């Protein structure tokens, strides 16, 4: 059974940076497109970044474009989210998600229902505050 373990969250100051990691196991990681979602208290689950199985294509929500970078290392079965110029509104629990798509060449922002509620992992909390 597939498993995703998110890590790297913590407290950051506005304008600061954090790097999230998501370690995958139990499935063929290189055949899956990967996404990062987040859910802030009292708000809906938001898809913030996507990357194809090869890592050749990425896509970002407007709320994070230019500040966040998604990447992956298929040799390490890990996807990353580099977050820069953090804002208080980035405060949320961040989850990674896997979607079987070995041939997709364009990363799309297509939210999956229940991605946060039924996440494979426990998520990692990011708090941006001074």
C-alpha atoms as a PDB file:
ATOM      1  CA  UNK A   1       0.000   0.000   0.000  1.00  0.00           C
ATOM      2  CA  UNK A   2       1.267   3.419  -0.929  1.00  0.00           C
ATOM      3  CA  UNK A   3       2.448   5.839   1.708  1.00  0.00           C
ATOM      4  CA  UNK A   4       3.419   9.510   1.658  1.00  0.00           C
ATOM      5  CA  UNK A   5       5.256  11.200   4.534  1.00  0.00           C
ATOM      6  CA  UNK A   6       5.433  14.987   4.535  1.00  0.00           C
ATOM      7  CA  UNK A   7       8.069  16.878   6.521  1.00  0.00           C
ATOM      8  CA  UNK A   8       9.838  20.216   6.737  1.00  0.00           C
ATOM      9  CA  UNK A   9       7.093  22.396   8.112  1.00  0.00           C
ATOM     10  CA  UNK A  10       7.550  24.774  10.995  1.00  0.00           C
ATOM     11  CA  UNK A  11       7.476  28.411  12.000  1.00  0.00           C
ATOM     12  CA  UNK A  12       8.759  30.995   9.556  1.00  0.00           C
ATOM     13  CA  UNK A  13       8.754  34.770   9.548  1.00  0.00           C
ATOM     14  CA  UNK A  14       7.047  36.740   6.786  1.00  0.00           C
ATOM     15  CA  UNK A  15       9.472  36.939   3.883  1.00  0.00           C
ATOM     16  CA  UNK A  16      11.218  33.780   4.995  1.00  0.00           C
ATOM     17  CA  UNK A  17      11.652  30.403   3.360  1.00  0.00           C
ATOM     18  CA  UNK A  18      10.924  26.757   4.036  1.00  0.00           C
ATOM     19  CA  UNK A  19      11.491  23.545   2.098  1.00  0.00           C
ATOM     20  CA  UNK A  20       8.910  20.792   2.386  1.00  0.00           C
ATOM     21  CA  UNK A  21       9.632  17.183   1.488  1.00  0.00           C
ATOM     22  CA  UNK A  22       7.309  14.291   0.727  1.00  0.00           C
ATOM     23  CA  UNK A  23       8.808  10.808   0.819  1.00  0.00           C
ATOM     24  CA  UNK A  24       6.915   8.126  -1.090  1.00  0.00           C
ATOM     25  CA  UNK A  25       6.952   4.375  -0.616  1.00  0.00           C
ATOM     26  CA  UNK A  26       4.934   1.328  -1.605  1.00  0.00           C
ATOM     27  CA  UNK A  27       4.289   2.318  -5.223  1.00  0.00           C
ATOM     28  CA  UNK A  28       6.171   3.128  -8.415  1.00  0.00           C
ATOM     29  CA  UNK A  29       6.853   6.781  -7.706  1.00  0.00           C
ATOM     30  CA  UNK A  30       8.169   7.568 -11.186  1.00  0.00           C
ATOM     31  CA  UNK A  31       4.775   6.661 -12.708  1.00  0.00           C
ATOM     32  CA  UNK A  32       2.865   9.196 -10.646  1.00  0.00           C
ATOM     33  CA  UNK A  33       2.255  12.878 -11.088  1.00  0.00           C
ATOM     34  CA  UNK A  34       2.554  14.651  -7.752  1.00  0.00           C
ATOM     35  CA  UNK A  35       0.722  17.600  -6.253  1.00  0.00           C
ATOM     36  CA  UNK A  36       0.963  19.754  -3.156  1.00  0.00           C
ATOM     37  CA  UNK A  37      -2.252  20.854  -1.453  1.00  0.00           C
ATOM     38  CA  UNK A  38      -2.784  22.993   1.603  1.00  0.00           C
ATOM     39  CA  UNK A  39      -5.628  23.645   4.006  1.00  0.00           C
ATOM     40  CA  UNK A  40      -5.749  26.615   6.324  1.00  0.00           C
ATOM     41  CA  UNK A  41      -8.017  26.650   9.388  1.00  0.00           C
ATOM     42  CA  UNK A  42     -11.593  27.289   8.351  1.00  0.00           C
ATOM     43  CA  UNK A  43     -10.730  27.320   4.649  1.00  0.00           C
ATOM     44  CA  UNK A  44     -11.117  24.898   1.765  1.00  0.00           C
ATOM     45  CA  UNK A  45      -8.433  22.564   0.548  1.00  0.00           C
ATOM     46  CA  UNK A  46      -6.324  24.325  -2.104  1.00  0.00           C
ATOM     47  CA  UNK A  47      -4.153  22.761  -4.824  1.00  0.00           C
ATOM     48  CA  UNK A  48      -1.020  24.901  -4.948  1.00  0.00           C
ATOM     49  CA  UNK A  49       1.477  23.065  -7.176  1.00  0.00           C
ATOM     50  CA  UNK A  50       1.677  20.127  -9.576  1.00  0.00           C
ATOM     51  CA  UNK A  51       4.474  18.249 -11.329  1.00  0.00           C
ATOM     52  CA  UNK A  52       4.437  15.502 -13.948  1.00  0.00           C
ATOM     53  CA  UNK A  53       5.905  12.055 -13.376  1.00  0.00           C
ATOM     54  CA  UNK A  54       9.117  12.999 -15.176  1.00  0.00           C
ATOM     55  CA  UNK A  55       9.397  16.413 -13.525  1.00  0.00           C
ATOM     56  CA  UNK A  56       9.526  18.138 -16.893  1.00  0.00           C
ATOM     57  CA  UNK A  57       6.381  20.180 -16.395  1.00  0.00           C
ATOM     58  CA  UNK A  58       5.115  22.124 -13.383  1.00  0.00           C
ATOM     59  CA  UNK A  59       2.129  24.322 -12.632  1.00  0.00           C
ATOM     60  CA  UNK A  60       1.201  26.663  -9.791  1.00  0.00           C
ATOM     61  CA  UNK A  61      -1.818  28.340  -8.312  1.00  0.00           C
ATOM     62  CA  UNK A  62      -1.824  32.099  -8.753  1.00  0.00           C
ATOM     63  CA  UNK A  63      -1.572  32.494  -4.974  1.00  0.00           C
ATOM     64  CA  UNK A  64       1.935  30.983  -4.928  1.00  0.00           C
ATOM     65  CA  UNK A  65       3.246  31.563  -8.451  1.00  0.00           C
ATOM     66  CA  UNK A  66       6.701  33.116  -8.420  1.00  0.00           C
ATOM     67  CA  UNK A  67       7.239  32.250  -4.749  1.00  0.00           C
ATOM     68  CA  UNK A  68       6.973  28.436  -4.588  1.00  0.00           C
ATOM     69  CA  UNK A  69       8.847  25.810  -6.617  1.00  0.00           C
ATOM     70  CA  UNK A  70       7.865  22.158  -6.890  1.00  0.00           C
ATOM     71  CA  UNK A  71      10.495  19.594  -7.855  1.00  0.00           C
ATOM     72  CA  UNK A  72      11.083  15.857  -7.559  1.00  0.00           C
ATOM     73  CA  UNK A  73      13.885  13.338  -7.347  1.00  0.00           C
ATOM     74  CA  UNK A  74      12.664  10.022  -8.736  1.00  0.00           C
ATOM     75  CA  UNK A  75      15.835   8.284  -7.560  1.00  0.00           C
ATOM     76  CA  UNK A  76      14.950   9.251  -3.984  1.00  0.00           C
ATOM     77  CA  UNK A  77      11.157   8.812  -4.369  1.00  0.00           C
ATOM     78  CA  UNK A  78      10.705  12.328  -3.025  1.00  0.00           C
ATOM     79  CA  UNK A  79       8.873  15.464  -4.102  1.00  0.00           C
ATOM     80  CA  UNK A  80       9.757  18.890  -2.709  1.00  0.00           C
ATOM     81  CA  UNK A  81       8.096  22.254  -2.295  1.00  0.00           C
ATOM     82  CA  UNK A  82      10.486  25.155  -1.954  1.00  0.00           C
ATOM     83  CA  UNK A  83       8.586  28.096  -0.445  1.00  0.00           C
ATOM     84  CA  UNK A  84       9.966  31.616  -0.526  1.00  0.00           C
ATOM     85  CA  UNK A  85       8.771  35.104   0.383  1.00  0.00           C
ATOM     86  CA  UNK A  86       6.331  33.499   2.769  1.00  0.00           C
ATOM     87  CA  UNK A  87       3.202  35.373   3.785  1.00  0.00           C
ATOM     88  CA  UNK A  88       0.911  34.903   6.793  1.00  0.00           C
ATOM     89  CA  UNK A  89      -1.764  33.616   4.403  1.00  0.00           C
ATOM     90  CA  UNK A  90       0.522  30.684   3.542  1.00  0.00           C
ATOM     91  CA  UNK A  91      -0.145  29.318   7.015  1.00  0.00           C
ATOM     92  CA  UNK A  92      -1.743  25.893   6.534  1.00  0.00           C
ATOM     93  CA  UNK A  93      -1.263  22.166   6.750  1.00  0.00           C
ATOM     94  CA  UNK A  94       0.457  21.041   3.554  1.00  0.00           C
ATOM     95  CA  UNK A  95      -0.213  17.634   1.990  1.00  0.00           C
ATOM     96  CA  UNK A  96       1.290  15.873  -0.992  1.00  0.00           C
ATOM     97  CA  UNK A  97      -0.821  13.757  -3.334  1.00  0.00           C
ATOM     98  CA  UNK A  98       0.001  11.125  -5.943  1.00  0.00           C
ATOM     99  CA  UNK A  99      -1.954  10.505  -9.155  1.00  0.00           C
ATOM    100  CA  UNK A 100      -1.083   7.616 -11.480  1.00  0.00           C
ATOM    101  CA  UNK A 101      -0.100   9.264 -14.774  1.00  0.00           C
ATOM    102  CA  UNK A 102       3.048   7.846 -16.326  1.00  0.00           C
ATOM    103  CA  UNK A 103       2.532   9.472 -19.720  1.00  0.00           C
ATOM    104  CA  UNK A 104       1.216  12.932 -18.916  1.00  0.00           C
ATOM    105  CA  UNK A 105       3.537  15.630 -20.237  1.00  0.00           C
ATOM    106  CA  UNK A 106       1.733  18.762 -19.039  1.00  0.00           C
ATOM    107  CA  UNK A 107       1.198  19.461 -15.330  1.00  0.00           C
ATOM    108  CA  UNK A 108      -2.370  20.565 -14.685  1.00  0.00           C
ATOM    109  CA  UNK A 109      -4.102  22.070 -11.683  1.00  0.00           C
ATOM    110  CA  UNK A 110      -7.062  19.710 -11.448  1.00  0.00           C
ATOM    111  CA  UNK A 111      -8.118  19.456  -7.801  1.00  0.00           C
ATOM    112  CA  UNK A 112      -9.087  16.049  -6.536  1.00  0.00           C
ATOM    113  CA  UNK A 113     -12.123  15.916  -4.252  1.00  0.00           C
ATOM    114  CA  UNK A 114     -11.138  15.114  -0.705  1.00  0.00           C
ATOM    115  CA  UNK A 115      -7.422  15.547  -1.334  1.00  0.00           C
ATOM    116  CA  UNK A 116      -6.828  17.036   2.104  1.00  0.00           C
ATOM    117  CA  UNK A 117      -9.491  15.115   4.007  1.00  0.00           C
ATOM    118  CA  UNK A 118      -8.330  11.763   2.611  1.00  0.00           C
ATOM    119  CA  UNK A 119      -4.640  12.518   2.240  1.00  0.00           C
ATOM    120  CA  UNK A 120      -2.286   9.529   2.314  1.00  0.00           C
ATOM    121  CA  UNK A 121      -0.004  11.316   4.780  1.00  0.00           C
ATOM    122  CA  UNK A 122      -0.448  13.297   7.965  1.00  0.00           C
ATOM    123  CA  UNK A 123       0.579  16.586   6.402  1.00  0.00           C
ATOM    124  CA  UNK A 124       3.074  19.112   7.698  1.00  0.00           C
ATOM    125  CA  UNK A 125       2.115  22.374   9.395  1.00  0.00           C
ATOM    126  CA  UNK A 126       3.532  25.640   8.120  1.00  0.00           C
ATOM    127  CA  UNK A 127       3.027  28.710  10.275  1.00  0.00           C
ATOM    128  CA  UNK A 128       4.072  32.120   8.992  1.00  0.00           C
ATOM    129  CA  UNK A 129       4.114  34.708  11.727  1.00  0.00           C
ATOM    130  CA  UNK A 130       6.318  37.402  13.174  1.00  0.00           C
END
